Amino acid sequence: MDLNKIKQKFIDWTKLKVRHHIFDNEKEVYFREKEVWWAAIGKNVGYEVDGKQKLFERPVLILKKYNKDLCFILPLTSKVKEPLPWYQHVVIVEEKKSAVNITQGRSIGKERLLRRFGVVERLIFSEIINKFKKQFK
């Protein structure tokens, strides 16, 4: 990708981020652990997971709800890789595989949450939690 396209993506994301911060600050969003949401992740640096399309969105799993405004998420990918320690396969939509990327977790504000997509089954969620904890041992 050429430098001008990269610059333009950062400019587009910055404009969108300002909108989320200023105009979406008061929106009512009710989220829970185990839910999958489309979230505005943005254009990130280096090997960090980016959002896609013009809204810089990506599906994310809410791993931990800290309060009504803040949660810890793990991004999902449709490019399911070999079973590696930092991926956990999940099925949100019938016959469409995806994986949770354990290494790309981060805290986000409710302003980034765009729309609810689904819920992860309790057993799968427990496996994800265990896999996430193992990376700190």
N, C-alpha and C. Protein backbone atom coordinates (compact mmCIF):
# COMPACT_ATOMS: atom_id res chain seq x y z
N MET A 1 0.85 -1.18 0.00
CA MET A 1 0.00 0.00 0.00
C MET A 1 0.89 1.24 0.00
N ASP A 2 0.57 2.20 -0.85
CA ASP A 2 1.44 3.37 -0.93
C ASP A 2 1.19 4.33 0.24
N LEU A 3 2.17 5.18 0.47
CA LEU A 3 2.17 6.07 1.62
C LEU A 3 0.96 7.01 1.64
N ASN A 4 0.54 7.50 0.48
CA ASN A 4 -0.62 8.41 0.43
C ASN A 4 -1.90 7.71 0.88
N LYS A 5 -2.08 6.44 0.50
CA LYS A 5 -3.26 5.69 0.94
C LYS A 5 -3.23 5.47 2.45
N ILE A 6 -2.06 5.18 2.98
CA ILE A 6 -1.92 4.98 4.43
C ILE A 6 -2.25 6.28 5.16
N LYS A 7 -1.71 7.39 4.69
CA LYS A 7 -1.99 8.69 5.31
C LYS A 7 -3.49 8.98 5.28
N GLN A 8 -4.12 8.74 4.13
CA GLN A 8 -5.54 9.02 3.99
C GLN A 8 -6.37 8.17 4.94
N LYS A 9 -5.98 6.91 5.15
CA LYS A 9 -6.71 6.05 6.09
C LYS A 9 -6.63 6.61 7.50
N PHE A 10 -5.45 7.10 7.91
CA PHE A 10 -5.31 7.69 9.24
C PHE A 10 -6.13 8.97 9.37
N ILE A 11 -6.17 9.77 8.33
CA ILE A 11 -6.97 11.00 8.34
C ILE A 11 -8.46 10.65 8.44
N ASP A 12 -8.91 9.68 7.64
CA ASP A 12 -10.32 9.26 7.69
C ASP A 12 -10.69 8.73 9.07
N TRP A 13 -9.80 7.91 9.67
CA TRP A 13 -10.07 7.36 10.99
C TRP A 13 -10.11 8.46 12.04
N THR A 14 -9.21 9.42 11.95
CA THR A 14 -9.18 10.51 12.93
C THR A 14 -10.48 11.31 12.90
N LYS A 15 -10.97 11.59 11.72
CA LYS A 15 -12.26 12.30 11.59
C LYS A 15 -13.40 11.49 12.22
N LEU A 16 -13.41 10.20 11.95
CA LEU A 16 -14.46 9.34 12.49
C LEU A 16 -14.34 9.21 14.01
N LYS A 17 -13.11 9.13 14.50
CA LYS A 17 -12.87 9.02 15.94
C LYS A 17 -13.37 10.26 16.68
N VAL A 18 -13.15 11.43 16.10
CA VAL A 18 -13.65 12.68 16.69
C VAL A 18 -15.17 12.63 16.78
N ARG A 19 -15.82 12.15 15.70
CA ARG A 19 -17.28 12.05 15.71
C ARG A 19 -17.76 11.13 16.82
N HIS A 20 -17.11 9.96 16.96
CA HIS A 20 -17.49 9.02 18.03
C HIS A 20 -17.32 9.67 19.40
N HIS A 21 -16.21 10.37 19.58
CA HIS A 21 -15.90 10.94 20.89
C HIS A 21 -16.86 12.07 21.27
N ILE A 22 -17.16 12.92 20.32
CA ILE A 22 -17.99 14.09 20.62
C ILE A 22 -19.49 13.79 20.54
N PHE A 23 -19.92 13.14 19.47
CA PHE A 23 -21.35 13.00 19.23
C PHE A 23 -21.95 11.72 19.79
N ASP A 24 -21.14 10.68 19.96
CA ASP A 24 -21.67 9.41 20.46
C ASP A 24 -21.47 9.24 21.97
N ASN A 25 -20.96 10.25 22.62
CA ASN A 25 -20.62 10.16 24.04
C ASN A 25 -21.84 9.91 24.92
N GLU A 26 -22.99 10.40 24.52
CA GLU A 26 -24.19 10.26 25.34
C GLU A 26 -25.11 9.14 24.88
N LYS A 27 -24.73 8.39 23.85
CA LYS A 27 -25.64 7.35 23.36
C LYS A 27 -25.76 6.22 24.38
N GLU A 28 -26.94 5.66 24.43
CA GLU A 28 -27.21 4.56 25.34
C GLU A 28 -26.85 3.25 24.66
N VAL A 29 -25.92 2.55 25.22
CA VAL A 29 -25.50 1.25 24.70
C VAL A 29 -25.49 0.29 25.88
N TYR A 30 -26.20 -0.81 25.73
CA TYR A 30 -26.25 -1.81 26.79
C TYR A 30 -25.57 -3.07 26.28
N PHE A 31 -24.48 -3.42 26.91
CA PHE A 31 -23.69 -4.57 26.47
C PHE A 31 -23.40 -5.48 27.66
N ARG A 32 -23.11 -6.74 27.34
CA ARG A 32 -22.81 -7.74 28.37
C ARG A 32 -21.64 -8.59 27.94
N GLU A 33 -21.03 -9.24 28.90
CA GLU A 33 -19.98 -10.21 28.60
C GLU A 33 -20.58 -11.33 27.77
N LYS A 34 -19.80 -11.93 26.91
CA LYS A 34 -20.16 -13.01 25.98
C LYS A 34 -20.81 -12.50 24.70
N GLU A 35 -21.16 -11.22 24.61
CA GLU A 35 -21.78 -10.70 23.40
C GLU A 35 -20.72 -10.37 22.35
N VAL A 36 -21.13 -10.51 21.09
CA VAL A 36 -20.29 -10.11 19.97
C VAL A 36 -20.92 -8.87 19.35
N TRP A 37 -20.11 -7.84 19.17
CA TRP A 37 -20.56 -6.56 18.62
C TRP A 37 -19.69 -6.19 17.43
N TRP A 38 -20.24 -5.41 16.53
CA TRP A 38 -19.43 -4.70 15.54
C TRP A 38 -18.96 -3.45 16.26
N ALA A 39 -17.65 -3.19 16.21
CA ALA A 39 -17.08 -2.04 16.92
C ALA A 39 -16.16 -1.26 15.99
N ALA A 40 -16.10 0.05 16.20
CA ALA A 40 -15.20 0.92 15.45
C ALA A 40 -13.81 0.80 16.08
N ILE A 41 -12.99 -0.06 15.51
CA ILE A 41 -11.65 -0.31 16.06
C ILE A 41 -10.65 0.72 15.56
N GLY A 42 -10.78 1.13 14.32
CA GLY A 42 -9.91 2.18 13.80
C GLY A 42 -8.75 1.67 12.97
N LYS A 43 -7.92 2.59 12.55
CA LYS A 43 -6.69 2.31 11.83
C LYS A 43 -5.58 2.34 12.85
N ASN A 44 -4.97 1.20 13.07
CA ASN A 44 -3.97 1.10 14.11
C ASN A 44 -2.56 1.00 13.53
N VAL A 45 -1.59 0.98 14.39
CA VAL A 45 -0.19 1.05 14.00
C VAL A 45 0.45 -0.33 14.02
N GLY A 46 1.34 -0.58 13.10
CA GLY A 46 2.10 -1.83 13.09
C GLY A 46 1.24 -3.05 12.88
N TYR A 47 1.35 -4.01 13.78
CA TYR A 47 0.65 -5.28 13.65
C TYR A 47 -0.65 -5.35 14.45
N GLU A 48 -1.10 -4.21 14.96
CA GLU A 48 -2.36 -4.19 15.69
C GLU A 48 -3.51 -4.40 14.71
N VAL A 49 -4.55 -5.06 15.18
CA VAL A 49 -5.71 -5.35 14.34
C VAL A 49 -6.44 -4.05 14.01
N ASP A 50 -6.78 -3.90 12.73
CA ASP A 50 -7.52 -2.73 12.24
C ASP A 50 -8.98 -3.06 12.05
N GLY A 51 -9.79 -2.01 11.99
CA GLY A 51 -11.15 -2.16 11.54
C GLY A 51 -11.17 -2.12 10.02
N LYS A 52 -12.27 -2.54 9.44
CA LYS A 52 -12.39 -2.60 7.97
C LYS A 52 -13.50 -1.67 7.49
N GLN A 53 -13.55 -1.50 6.19
CA GLN A 53 -14.56 -0.68 5.50
C GLN A 53 -14.44 0.79 5.91
N LYS A 54 -15.44 1.60 5.52
CA LYS A 54 -15.33 3.04 5.78
C LYS A 54 -15.58 3.41 7.25
N LEU A 55 -16.20 2.53 8.01
CA LEU A 55 -16.42 2.81 9.44
C LEU A 55 -15.35 2.19 10.33
N PHE A 56 -14.33 1.55 9.73
CA PHE A 56 -13.23 0.93 10.46
C PHE A 56 -13.76 -0.03 11.52
N GLU A 57 -14.71 -0.86 11.12
CA GLU A 57 -15.36 -1.74 12.08
C GLU A 57 -14.86 -3.17 11.97
N ARG A 58 -15.05 -3.89 13.07
CA ARG A 58 -14.65 -5.29 13.15
C ARG A 58 -15.50 -5.93 14.24
N PRO A 59 -15.84 -7.22 14.09
CA PRO A 59 -16.55 -7.88 15.18
C PRO A 59 -15.61 -8.11 16.36
N VAL A 60 -16.15 -7.91 17.55
CA VAL A 60 -15.37 -8.10 18.78
C VAL A 60 -16.21 -8.86 19.80
N LEU A 61 -15.54 -9.61 20.64
CA LEU A 61 -16.18 -10.32 21.75
C LEU A 61 -15.95 -9.52 23.02
N ILE A 62 -17.02 -9.26 23.76
CA ILE A 62 -16.87 -8.57 25.04
C ILE A 62 -16.47 -9.61 26.08
N LEU A 63 -15.22 -9.52 26.50
CA LEU A 63 -14.66 -10.47 27.46
C LEU A 63 -14.98 -10.07 28.89
N LYS A 64 -14.91 -8.75 29.17
CA LYS A 64 -15.15 -8.26 30.52
C LYS A 64 -15.85 -6.91 30.46
N LYS A 65 -16.91 -6.76 31.22
CA LYS A 65 -17.60 -5.48 31.35
C LYS A 65 -17.12 -4.85 32.65
N TYR A 66 -16.45 -3.72 32.57
CA TYR A 66 -15.96 -3.04 33.77
C TYR A 66 -17.04 -2.19 34.41
N ASN A 67 -17.79 -1.48 33.56
CA ASN A 67 -18.91 -0.66 34.02
C ASN A 67 -19.78 -0.37 32.80
N LYS A 68 -20.74 0.52 32.92
CA LYS A 68 -21.67 0.76 31.80
C LYS A 68 -21.01 1.47 30.62
N ASP A 69 -19.79 1.97 30.80
CA ASP A 69 -19.12 2.75 29.77
C ASP A 69 -17.86 2.11 29.19
N LEU A 70 -17.34 1.06 29.83
CA LEU A 70 -16.03 0.53 29.46
C LEU A 70 -16.02 -1.00 29.51
N CYS A 71 -15.39 -1.60 28.49
CA CYS A 71 -15.27 -3.05 28.46
C CYS A 71 -13.93 -3.47 27.86
N PHE A 72 -13.58 -4.72 28.09
CA PHE A 72 -12.37 -5.31 27.51
C PHE A 72 -12.83 -6.26 26.42
N ILE A 73 -12.27 -6.11 25.22
CA ILE A 73 -12.72 -6.88 24.07
C ILE A 73 -11.59 -7.69 23.45
N LEU A 74 -11.98 -8.72 22.72
CA LEU A 74 -11.06 -9.47 21.87
C LEU A 74 -11.63 -9.41 20.46
N PRO A 75 -10.81 -9.01 19.47
CA PRO A 75 -11.30 -8.94 18.10
C PRO A 75 -11.47 -10.32 17.48
N LEU A 76 -12.39 -10.41 16.53
CA LEU A 76 -12.61 -11.65 15.78
C LEU A 76 -12.05 -11.47 14.37
N THR A 77 -11.71 -12.58 13.76
CA THR A 77 -11.25 -12.60 12.39
C THR A 77 -11.95 -13.71 11.63
N SER A 78 -12.22 -13.48 10.37
CA SER A 78 -12.83 -14.53 9.54
C SER A 78 -11.74 -15.37 8.87
N LYS A 79 -10.51 -14.90 8.95
CA LYS A 79 -9.38 -15.64 8.39
C LYS A 79 -8.88 -16.60 9.47
N VAL A 80 -9.55 -17.72 9.57
CA VAL A 80 -9.22 -18.69 10.61
C VAL A 80 -7.89 -19.35 10.26
N LYS A 81 -6.95 -19.24 11.18
CA LYS A 81 -5.63 -19.79 10.96
C LYS A 81 -5.52 -21.16 11.61
N GLU A 82 -4.38 -21.77 11.44
CA GLU A 82 -4.14 -23.06 12.09
C GLU A 82 -4.44 -22.93 13.57
N PRO A 83 -4.84 -24.02 14.22
CA PRO A 83 -5.12 -23.93 15.66
C PRO A 83 -3.84 -23.55 16.42
N LEU A 84 -3.71 -22.29 16.70
CA LEU A 84 -2.56 -21.79 17.43
C LEU A 84 -3.00 -21.37 18.83
N PRO A 85 -2.09 -21.26 19.76
CA PRO A 85 -2.48 -20.93 21.13
C PRO A 85 -3.19 -19.60 21.28
N TRP A 86 -3.00 -18.68 20.34
CA TRP A 86 -3.61 -17.36 20.49
C TRP A 86 -4.87 -17.16 19.67
N TYR A 87 -5.41 -18.22 19.12
CA TYR A 87 -6.70 -18.16 18.43
C TYR A 87 -7.66 -19.15 19.07
N GLN A 88 -8.92 -18.78 19.16
CA GLN A 88 -9.97 -19.68 19.64
C GLN A 88 -11.09 -19.64 18.62
N HIS A 89 -11.40 -20.77 18.03
CA HIS A 89 -12.46 -20.83 17.02
C HIS A 89 -13.83 -20.65 17.68
N VAL A 90 -14.68 -19.88 17.01
CA VAL A 90 -16.05 -19.67 17.47
C VAL A 90 -16.97 -19.66 16.26
N VAL A 91 -18.22 -20.01 16.49
CA VAL A 91 -19.24 -19.91 15.44
C VAL A 91 -20.33 -18.99 15.97
N ILE A 92 -20.48 -17.86 15.32
CA ILE A 92 -21.51 -16.90 15.71
C ILE A 92 -22.71 -17.06 14.78
N VAL A 93 -22.44 -17.20 13.50
CA VAL A 93 -23.46 -17.38 12.49
C VAL A 93 -23.29 -18.79 11.93
N GLU A 94 -24.40 -19.51 11.76
CA GLU A 94 -24.36 -20.87 11.23
C GLU A 94 -23.46 -20.97 10.00
N GLU A 95 -22.63 -21.96 9.99
CA GLU A 95 -21.77 -22.30 8.86
C GLU A 95 -20.77 -21.20 8.48
N LYS A 96 -20.52 -20.26 9.35
CA LYS A 96 -19.49 -19.26 9.08
C LYS A 96 -18.51 -19.27 10.25
N LYS A 97 -17.31 -19.76 9.97
CA LYS A 97 -16.31 -19.86 11.03
C LYS A 97 -15.60 -18.54 11.24
N SER A 98 -15.22 -18.30 12.46
CA SER A 98 -14.38 -17.17 12.79
C SER A 98 -13.54 -17.57 14.00
N ALA A 99 -12.60 -16.71 14.35
CA ALA A 99 -11.74 -17.00 15.48
C ALA A 99 -11.52 -15.73 16.29
N VAL A 100 -11.40 -15.91 17.59
CA VAL A 100 -11.07 -14.81 18.49
C VAL A 100 -9.55 -14.75 18.56
N ASN A 101 -9.00 -13.55 18.40
CA ASN A 101 -7.56 -13.36 18.49
C ASN A 101 -7.22 -12.96 19.92
N ILE A 102 -6.67 -13.90 20.67
CA ILE A 102 -6.39 -13.71 22.09
C ILE A 102 -5.35 -12.62 22.33
N THR A 103 -4.41 -12.43 21.41
CA THR A 103 -3.30 -11.49 21.62
C THR A 103 -3.66 -10.03 21.39
N GLN A 104 -4.83 -9.76 20.82
CA GLN A 104 -5.16 -8.39 20.44
C GLN A 104 -6.20 -7.74 21.34
N GLY A 105 -6.32 -8.21 22.58
CA GLY A 105 -7.30 -7.66 23.50
C GLY A 105 -6.99 -6.23 23.89
N ARG A 106 -8.06 -5.47 24.15
CA ARG A 106 -7.89 -4.09 24.59
C ARG A 106 -9.18 -3.58 25.23
N SER A 107 -9.04 -2.52 25.99
CA SER A 107 -10.21 -1.86 26.57
C SER A 107 -10.73 -0.83 25.59
N ILE A 108 -12.06 -0.75 25.50
CA ILE A 108 -12.69 0.26 24.64
C ILE A 108 -13.88 0.86 25.37
N GLY A 109 -14.23 2.07 24.96
CA GLY A 109 -15.40 2.74 25.49
C GLY A 109 -16.65 2.35 24.70
N LYS A 110 -17.80 2.54 25.31
CA LYS A 110 -19.07 2.18 24.68
C LYS A 110 -19.30 2.92 23.37
N GLU A 111 -18.66 4.08 23.20
CA GLU A 111 -18.83 4.87 21.98
C GLU A 111 -18.36 4.12 20.73
N ARG A 112 -17.46 3.17 20.91
CA ARG A 112 -16.95 2.39 19.78
C ARG A 112 -17.91 1.26 19.38
N LEU A 113 -18.82 0.88 20.25
CA LEU A 113 -19.74 -0.22 19.95
C LEU A 113 -20.82 0.27 19.00
N LEU A 114 -20.95 -0.39 17.86
CA LEU A 114 -21.88 0.05 16.82
C LEU A 114 -23.20 -0.70 16.83
N ARG A 115 -23.13 -2.04 16.83
CA ARG A 115 -24.36 -2.84 16.84
C ARG A 115 -24.04 -4.25 17.32
N ARG A 116 -25.00 -4.81 18.03
CA ARG A 116 -24.86 -6.17 18.57
C ARG A 116 -25.02 -7.18 17.44
N PHE A 117 -24.17 -8.22 17.48
CA PHE A 117 -24.15 -9.20 16.40
C PHE A 117 -24.58 -10.58 16.85
N GLY A 118 -24.27 -10.95 18.08
CA GLY A 118 -24.61 -12.28 18.56
C GLY A 118 -24.06 -12.52 19.96
N VAL A 119 -24.12 -13.79 20.36
CA VAL A 119 -23.64 -14.19 21.69
C VAL A 119 -22.85 -15.49 21.53
N VAL A 120 -21.77 -15.60 22.28
CA VAL A 120 -20.96 -16.81 22.28
C VAL A 120 -21.53 -17.76 23.33
N GLU A 121 -21.57 -19.04 23.01
CA GLU A 121 -22.06 -20.04 23.97
C GLU A 121 -21.20 -20.06 25.22
N ARG A 122 -21.81 -20.39 26.34
CA ARG A 122 -21.14 -20.36 27.64
C ARG A 122 -19.88 -21.23 27.67
N LEU A 123 -19.94 -22.44 27.12
CA LEU A 123 -18.79 -23.34 27.14
C LEU A 123 -17.63 -22.77 26.31
N ILE A 124 -17.92 -22.25 25.14
CA ILE A 124 -16.89 -21.63 24.30
C ILE A 124 -16.30 -20.42 25.00
N PHE A 125 -17.16 -19.61 25.63
CA PHE A 125 -16.69 -18.43 26.36
C PHE A 125 -15.73 -18.83 27.47
N SER A 126 -16.03 -19.89 28.19
CA SER A 126 -15.14 -20.39 29.24
C SER A 126 -13.78 -20.82 28.67
N GLU A 127 -13.81 -21.47 27.51
CA GLU A 127 -12.55 -21.87 26.85
C GLU A 127 -11.73 -20.64 26.47
N ILE A 128 -12.39 -19.61 25.98
CA ILE A 128 -11.69 -18.38 25.61
C ILE A 128 -11.06 -17.74 26.84
N ILE A 129 -11.82 -17.66 27.92
CA ILE A 129 -11.30 -17.09 29.18
C ILE A 129 -10.06 -17.87 29.63
N ASN A 130 -10.13 -19.19 29.61
CA ASN A 130 -8.99 -20.02 30.04
C ASN A 130 -7.78 -19.81 29.15
N LYS A 131 -8.00 -19.75 27.85
CA LYS A 131 -6.90 -19.53 26.91
C LYS A 131 -6.29 -18.14 27.13
N PHE A 132 -7.14 -17.17 27.39
CA PHE A 132 -6.65 -15.81 27.64
C PHE A 132 -5.79 -15.77 28.90
N LYS A 133 -6.24 -16.43 29.97
CA LYS A 133 -5.48 -16.46 31.22
C LYS A 133 -4.14 -17.15 31.07
N LYS A 134 -4.08 -18.18 30.23
CA LYS A 134 -2.83 -18.93 30.04
C LYS A 134 -1.71 -18.09 29.47
N GLN A 135 -2.04 -17.06 28.72
CA GLN A 135 -0.98 -16.25 28.14
C GLN A 135 -0.22 -15.43 29.18
N PHE A 136 -0.74 -15.35 30.41
CA PHE A 136 -0.08 -14.58 31.47
C PHE A 136 0.66 -15.47 32.45
N LYS A 137 0.66 -16.77 32.20
CA LYS A 137 1.37 -17.68 33.12
C LYS A 137 2.80 -17.84 32.73
